[in-house]
């Protein structure tokens, strides 16, 4: 039989992992999850159980599946990475966005050429 693990700690650790990946402060993460700051902190620290409706709200706001919170597989975080990318692109000036788009299109064309050969 496997070792007993506290679901509060598992959920809290996964929340902290996502927050760090997004480079969010505790307050920004609480806002993103639509939770009171103190309530969010207790959840992340593993000191408080999370009601399923609250966990669903957090999942919806962060774009992760509900089962993510109960497992140690962090490989399926595409929505979190997409959010990070969109947040950072949103901070760019118009000229920087144009430059990034040109680079991505050039890269895409280069990959097509490589596949042809």
C-alpha atoms as a PDB file:
ATOM      1  CA  UNK A   1       0.000   0.000   0.000  1.00  0.00           C
ATOM      2  CA  UNK A   2       1.339   3.478  -0.885  1.00  0.00           C
ATOM      3  CA  UNK A   3       2.132   6.164   1.623  1.00  0.00           C
ATOM      4  CA  UNK A   4      -0.746   8.331   2.769  1.00  0.00           C
ATOM      5  CA  UNK A   5      -0.619  11.855   1.338  1.00  0.00           C
ATOM      6  CA  UNK A   6      -2.546  14.893   2.498  1.00  0.00           C
ATOM      7  CA  UNK A   7      -4.745  16.128  -0.350  1.00  0.00           C
ATOM      8  CA  UNK A   8      -4.481  19.672   1.025  1.00  0.00           C
ATOM      9  CA  UNK A   9      -0.692  19.579   0.538  1.00  0.00           C
ATOM     10  CA  UNK A  10      -0.969  18.086  -2.953  1.00  0.00           C
ATOM     11  CA  UNK A  11      -3.410  20.777  -4.095  1.00  0.00           C
ATOM     12  CA  UNK A  12      -1.387  23.516  -2.388  1.00  0.00           C
ATOM     13  CA  UNK A  13       1.855  22.365  -3.986  1.00  0.00           C
ATOM     14  CA  UNK A  14       0.245  22.240  -7.424  1.00  0.00           C
ATOM     15  CA  UNK A  15      -1.175  25.742  -6.955  1.00  0.00           C
ATOM     16  CA  UNK A  16       2.219  27.048  -5.891  1.00  0.00           C
ATOM     17  CA  UNK A  17       3.861  25.319  -8.864  1.00  0.00           C
ATOM     18  CA  UNK A  18       1.477  27.031 -11.309  1.00  0.00           C
ATOM     19  CA  UNK A  19       1.864  30.392  -9.554  1.00  0.00           C
ATOM     20  CA  UNK A  20       5.647  30.183  -9.819  1.00  0.00           C
ATOM     21  CA  UNK A  21       5.447  29.154 -13.496  1.00  0.00           C
ATOM     22  CA  UNK A  22       3.231  32.163 -14.201  1.00  0.00           C
ATOM     23  CA  UNK A  23       5.564  34.357 -12.110  1.00  0.00           C
ATOM     24  CA  UNK A  24       2.548  35.677 -10.209  1.00  0.00           C
ATOM     25  CA  UNK A  25       2.609  37.175  -6.758  1.00  0.00           C
ATOM     26  CA  UNK A  26       0.334  35.631  -4.149  1.00  0.00           C
ATOM     27  CA  UNK A  27      -2.082  38.545  -4.596  1.00  0.00           C
ATOM     28  CA  UNK A  28      -2.171  38.239  -8.402  1.00  0.00           C
ATOM     29  CA  UNK A  29      -2.780  34.495  -8.147  1.00  0.00           C
ATOM     30  CA  UNK A  30      -5.562  35.024  -5.615  1.00  0.00           C
ATOM     31  CA  UNK A  31      -7.120  37.552  -8.001  1.00  0.00           C
ATOM     32  CA  UNK A  32      -6.770  35.142 -10.950  1.00  0.00           C
ATOM     33  CA  UNK A  33      -8.493  32.441  -8.893  1.00  0.00           C
ATOM     34  CA  UNK A  34     -11.185  34.922  -7.788  1.00  0.00           C
ATOM     35  CA  UNK A  35     -10.394  34.236  -4.125  1.00  0.00           C
ATOM     36  CA  UNK A  36      -9.730  36.310  -1.054  1.00  0.00           C
ATOM     37  CA  UNK A  37      -5.965  36.683  -0.506  1.00  0.00           C
ATOM     38  CA  UNK A  38      -5.926  35.058   2.957  1.00  0.00           C
ATOM     39  CA  UNK A  39      -8.143  32.192   1.781  1.00  0.00           C
ATOM     40  CA  UNK A  40      -5.890  31.588  -1.218  1.00  0.00           C
ATOM     41  CA  UNK A  41      -2.750  31.613   0.971  1.00  0.00           C
ATOM     42  CA  UNK A  42      -4.205  29.006   3.355  1.00  0.00           C
ATOM     43  CA  UNK A  43      -5.065  26.766   0.401  1.00  0.00           C
ATOM     44  CA  UNK A  44      -1.609  27.105  -1.180  1.00  0.00           C
ATOM     45  CA  UNK A  45       0.057  26.370   2.165  1.00  0.00           C
ATOM     46  CA  UNK A  46      -2.004  23.197   2.494  1.00  0.00           C
ATOM     47  CA  UNK A  47      -3.658  24.450   5.664  1.00  0.00           C
ATOM     48  CA  UNK A  48      -7.224  24.415   4.361  1.00  0.00           C
ATOM     49  CA  UNK A  49      -9.368  21.967   2.450  1.00  0.00           C
ATOM     50  CA  UNK A  50     -10.843  23.302  -0.762  1.00  0.00           C
ATOM     51  CA  UNK A  51     -14.515  22.855  -1.574  1.00  0.00           C
ATOM     52  CA  UNK A  52     -15.069  21.304  -4.986  1.00  0.00           C
ATOM     53  CA  UNK A  53     -16.958  24.330  -6.286  1.00  0.00           C
ATOM     54  CA  UNK A  54     -13.988  26.560  -5.351  1.00  0.00           C
ATOM     55  CA  UNK A  55     -11.557  24.114  -6.944  1.00  0.00           C
ATOM     56  CA  UNK A  56     -13.688  24.106 -10.098  1.00  0.00           C
ATOM     57  CA  UNK A  57     -13.599  27.917 -10.158  1.00  0.00           C
ATOM     58  CA  UNK A  58      -9.801  27.863  -9.789  1.00  0.00           C
ATOM     59  CA  UNK A  59      -9.527  25.247 -12.548  1.00  0.00           C
ATOM     60  CA  UNK A  60     -11.736  27.279 -14.871  1.00  0.00           C
ATOM     61  CA  UNK A  61      -9.827  30.501 -14.217  1.00  0.00           C
ATOM     62  CA  UNK A  62      -6.426  28.858 -14.767  1.00  0.00           C
ATOM     63  CA  UNK A  63      -7.535  26.578 -17.582  1.00  0.00           C
ATOM     64  CA  UNK A  64      -6.524  23.279 -15.996  1.00  0.00           C
ATOM     65  CA  UNK A  65      -8.509  20.062 -15.659  1.00  0.00           C
ATOM     66  CA  UNK A  66      -9.936  19.172 -12.247  1.00  0.00           C
ATOM     67  CA  UNK A  67      -7.907  15.971 -12.053  1.00  0.00           C
ATOM     68  CA  UNK A  68      -4.675  17.980 -12.260  1.00  0.00           C
ATOM     69  CA  UNK A  69      -4.983  18.929  -8.576  1.00  0.00           C
ATOM     70  CA  UNK A  70      -4.935  15.313  -7.399  1.00  0.00           C
ATOM     71  CA  UNK A  71      -1.932  13.981  -9.304  1.00  0.00           C
ATOM     72  CA  UNK A  72       1.764  14.632  -9.571  1.00  0.00           C
ATOM     73  CA  UNK A  73       1.827  14.717 -13.386  1.00  0.00           C
ATOM     74  CA  UNK A  74       2.639  18.287 -14.320  1.00  0.00           C
ATOM     75  CA  UNK A  75       3.352  17.510 -17.964  1.00  0.00           C
ATOM     76  CA  UNK A  76      -0.111  18.558 -19.148  1.00  0.00           C
ATOM     77  CA  UNK A  77       0.017  22.255 -18.360  1.00  0.00           C
ATOM     78  CA  UNK A  78      -0.365  23.597 -21.892  1.00  0.00           C
ATOM     79  CA  UNK A  79      -3.119  26.009 -20.851  1.00  0.00           C
ATOM     80  CA  UNK A  80      -0.917  27.465 -18.091  1.00  0.00           C
ATOM     81  CA  UNK A  81       1.970  27.932 -20.501  1.00  0.00           C
ATOM     82  CA  UNK A  82      -0.381  29.503 -23.050  1.00  0.00           C
ATOM     83  CA  UNK A  83      -1.622  31.927 -20.391  1.00  0.00           C
ATOM     84  CA  UNK A  84       1.972  32.851 -19.566  1.00  0.00           C
ATOM     85  CA  UNK A  85       2.739  33.434 -23.242  1.00  0.00           C
ATOM     86  CA  UNK A  86      -0.390  35.552 -23.787  1.00  0.00           C
ATOM     87  CA  UNK A  87       0.274  37.588 -20.655  1.00  0.00           C
ATOM     88  CA  UNK A  88       3.803  38.365 -21.833  1.00  0.00           C
ATOM     89  CA  UNK A  89       2.826  39.090 -25.430  1.00  0.00           C
ATOM     90  CA  UNK A  90       0.200  41.481 -24.106  1.00  0.00           C
ATOM     91  CA  UNK A  91       2.976  43.546 -22.512  1.00  0.00           C
ATOM     92  CA  UNK A  92       4.796  44.046 -25.817  1.00  0.00           C
ATOM     93  CA  UNK A  93       4.519  47.190 -27.916  1.00  0.00           C
ATOM     94  CA  UNK A  94       2.938  46.983 -31.356  1.00  0.00           C
ATOM     95  CA  UNK A  95       6.375  47.037 -32.983  1.00  0.00           C
ATOM     96  CA  UNK A  96       7.633  44.237 -30.737  1.00  0.00           C
ATOM     97  CA  UNK A  97       4.555  42.152 -31.582  1.00  0.00           C
ATOM     98  CA  UNK A  98       5.178  42.714 -35.293  1.00  0.00           C
ATOM     99  CA  UNK A  99       8.805  41.647 -34.878  1.00  0.00           C
ATOM    100  CA  UNK A 100       7.775  38.522 -32.938  1.00  0.00           C
ATOM    101  CA  UNK A 101       5.210  37.623 -35.589  1.00  0.00           C
ATOM    102  CA  UNK A 102       7.803  38.024 -38.355  1.00  0.00           C
ATOM    103  CA  UNK A 103      10.207  35.784 -36.435  1.00  0.00           C
ATOM    104  CA  UNK A 104       7.572  33.109 -35.892  1.00  0.00           C
ATOM    105  CA  UNK A 105       6.515  33.153 -39.536  1.00  0.00           C
ATOM    106  CA  UNK A 106      10.148  32.902 -40.649  1.00  0.00           C
ATOM    107  CA  UNK A 107      10.708  30.000 -38.292  1.00  0.00           C
ATOM    108  CA  UNK A 108       7.587  28.285 -39.583  1.00  0.00           C
ATOM    109  CA  UNK A 109       8.754  28.701 -43.183  1.00  0.00           C
ATOM    110  CA  UNK A 110      12.204  27.394 -42.280  1.00  0.00           C
ATOM    111  CA  UNK A 111      10.640  24.294 -40.715  1.00  0.00           C
ATOM    112  CA  UNK A 112       8.611  23.685 -43.891  1.00  0.00           C
ATOM    113  CA  UNK A 113      11.773  23.868 -45.972  1.00  0.00           C
ATOM    114  CA  UNK A 114      13.569  21.436 -43.677  1.00  0.00           C
ATOM    115  CA  UNK A 115      10.701  18.936 -43.945  1.00  0.00           C
ATOM    116  CA  UNK A 116      10.768  19.146 -47.754  1.00  0.00           C
ATOM    117  CA  UNK A 117      14.439  18.184 -47.928  1.00  0.00           C
END
